[in-house]
Amino acid sequence: MNTRDRIEYLVVFIGEFAHHHHLSVRRTYQYLRQYKALDFLEQQYEVAHTMGFEYMVNAMTEYCKRNGGYLS
């Protein structure tokens, strides 16, 4: 479990999510933290990092919606 790899993955993921949803990186971080997607990604890193970013952005969008998020 390499902490640097996890951090790099989360930074890139946040950027991809922000781009996909036309949000600032700061707002994206807040949104993903609020709706528990970053917690999920941190816990499931071993599997999540093997998936494509497009798939994970869509999956985390749905995850956030199930937790009260509003993006689609």
C-alpha atoms as a PDB file:
ATOM      1  CA  MET A   1       0.000   0.000   0.000  1.00  0.00           C
ATOM      2  CA  ASN A   2       1.849   3.046  -1.280  1.00  0.00           C
ATOM      3  CA  THR A   3       0.479   6.284   0.164  1.00  0.00           C
ATOM      4  CA  ARG A   4       1.970   8.372  -2.637  1.00  0.00           C
ATOM      5  CA  ASP A   5       0.198   6.264  -5.298  1.00  0.00           C
ATOM      6  CA  ARG A   6      -3.110   6.646  -3.465  1.00  0.00           C
ATOM      7  CA  ILE A   7      -2.723  10.410  -3.197  1.00  0.00           C
ATOM      8  CA  GLU A   8      -1.751  10.722  -6.864  1.00  0.00           C
ATOM      9  CA  TYR A   9      -4.754   8.628  -7.880  1.00  0.00           C
ATOM     10  CA  LEU A  10      -7.142  10.766  -5.824  1.00  0.00           C
ATOM     11  CA  VAL A  11      -5.685  14.009  -7.205  1.00  0.00           C
ATOM     12  CA  VAL A  12      -6.089  12.815 -10.791  1.00  0.00           C
ATOM     13  CA  PHE A  13      -9.547  11.417 -10.060  1.00  0.00           C
ATOM     14  CA  ILE A  14     -10.715  14.728  -8.580  1.00  0.00           C
ATOM     15  CA  GLY A  15      -9.448  16.516 -11.692  1.00  0.00           C
ATOM     16  CA  GLU A  16     -11.252  14.091 -13.998  1.00  0.00           C
ATOM     17  CA  PHE A  17     -14.479  14.371 -11.988  1.00  0.00           C
ATOM     18  CA  ALA A  18     -14.230  18.179 -12.033  1.00  0.00           C
ATOM     19  CA  HIS A  19     -13.691  18.231 -15.784  1.00  0.00           C
ATOM     20  CA  HIS A  20     -16.561  15.834 -16.443  1.00  0.00           C
ATOM     21  CA  HIS A  21     -19.024  17.851 -14.345  1.00  0.00           C
ATOM     22  CA  HIS A  22     -17.648  21.318 -15.240  1.00  0.00           C
ATOM     23  CA  LEU A  23     -16.816  22.134 -11.627  1.00  0.00           C
ATOM     24  CA  SER A  24     -13.795  23.713  -9.990  1.00  0.00           C
ATOM     25  CA  VAL A  25     -11.356  21.325  -8.367  1.00  0.00           C
ATOM     26  CA  ARG A  26     -12.124  22.890  -4.991  1.00  0.00           C
ATOM     27  CA  ARG A  27     -15.896  22.428  -5.383  1.00  0.00           C
ATOM     28  CA  THR A  28     -15.347  18.892  -6.636  1.00  0.00           C
ATOM     29  CA  TYR A  29     -13.256  18.009  -3.586  1.00  0.00           C
ATOM     30  CA  GLN A  30     -15.954  19.410  -1.296  1.00  0.00           C
ATOM     31  CA  TYR A  31     -18.706  17.540  -3.151  1.00  0.00           C
ATOM     32  CA  LEU A  32     -16.867  14.206  -3.158  1.00  0.00           C
ATOM     33  CA  ARG A  33     -16.005  14.590   0.533  1.00  0.00           C
ATOM     34  CA  GLN A  34     -19.565  15.622   1.473  1.00  0.00           C
ATOM     35  CA  TYR A  35     -21.152  12.631  -0.261  1.00  0.00           C
ATOM     36  CA  LYS A  36     -18.530  10.139   0.967  1.00  0.00           C
ATOM     37  CA  ALA A  37     -17.060   9.257  -2.444  1.00  0.00           C
ATOM     38  CA  LEU A  38     -13.491  10.035  -1.363  1.00  0.00           C
ATOM     39  CA  ASP A  39     -13.890   7.817   1.691  1.00  0.00           C
ATOM     40  CA  PHE A  40     -15.121   5.045  -0.573  1.00  0.00           C
ATOM     41  CA  LEU A  41     -12.235   5.515  -3.024  1.00  0.00           C
ATOM     42  CA  GLU A  42      -9.694   5.514  -0.212  1.00  0.00           C
ATOM     43  CA  GLN A  43     -11.115   2.272   1.195  1.00  0.00           C
ATOM     44  CA  GLN A  44     -11.485   0.595  -2.210  1.00  0.00           C
ATOM     45  CA  TYR A  45      -8.288   1.897  -3.809  1.00  0.00           C
ATOM     46  CA  GLU A  46      -6.941  -1.556  -4.672  1.00  0.00           C
ATOM     47  CA  VAL A  47      -9.880  -2.166  -7.014  1.00  0.00           C
ATOM     48  CA  ALA A  48     -10.759   1.414  -7.983  1.00  0.00           C
ATOM     49  CA  HIS A  49      -7.346   2.269  -9.405  1.00  0.00           C
ATOM     50  CA  THR A  50      -7.574  -0.643 -11.854  1.00  0.00           C
ATOM     51  CA  MET A  51     -10.730   0.794 -13.433  1.00  0.00           C
ATOM     52  CA  GLY A  52     -10.744   3.509 -16.063  1.00  0.00           C
ATOM     53  CA  PHE A  53     -11.347   7.069 -14.914  1.00  0.00           C
ATOM     54  CA  GLU A  54     -14.455   7.440 -17.087  1.00  0.00           C
ATOM     55  CA  TYR A  55     -15.993   4.368 -15.464  1.00  0.00           C
ATOM     56  CA  MET A  56     -15.054   5.549 -11.968  1.00  0.00           C
ATOM     57  CA  VAL A  57     -16.367   9.081 -12.558  1.00  0.00           C
ATOM     58  CA  ASN A  58     -19.714   7.619 -13.604  1.00  0.00           C
ATOM     59  CA  ALA A  59     -19.701   5.142 -10.721  1.00  0.00           C
ATOM     60  CA  MET A  60     -18.843   7.808  -8.146  1.00  0.00           C
ATOM     61  CA  THR A  61     -21.478  10.143  -9.599  1.00  0.00           C
ATOM     62  CA  GLU A  62     -24.057   7.432  -8.937  1.00  0.00           C
ATOM     63  CA  TYR A  63     -22.549   6.687  -5.507  1.00  0.00           C
ATOM     64  CA  CYS A  64     -22.875  10.351  -4.545  1.00  0.00           C
ATOM     65  CA  LYS A  65     -26.476  10.430  -5.794  1.00  0.00           C
ATOM     66  CA  ARG A  66     -27.304   7.484  -3.547  1.00  0.00           C
ATOM     67  CA  ASN A  67     -25.852   9.480  -0.658  1.00  0.00           C
ATOM     68  CA  GLY A  68     -27.870  12.613  -1.438  1.00  0.00           C
ATOM     69  CA  GLY A  69     -25.745  14.165  -4.200  1.00  0.00           C
ATOM     70  CA  TYR A  70     -27.340  16.115  -7.023  1.00  0.00           C
ATOM     71  CA  LEU A  71     -25.017  15.714 -10.050  1.00  0.00           C
ATOM     72  CA  SER A  72     -25.963  13.442 -12.908  1.00  0.00           C
END
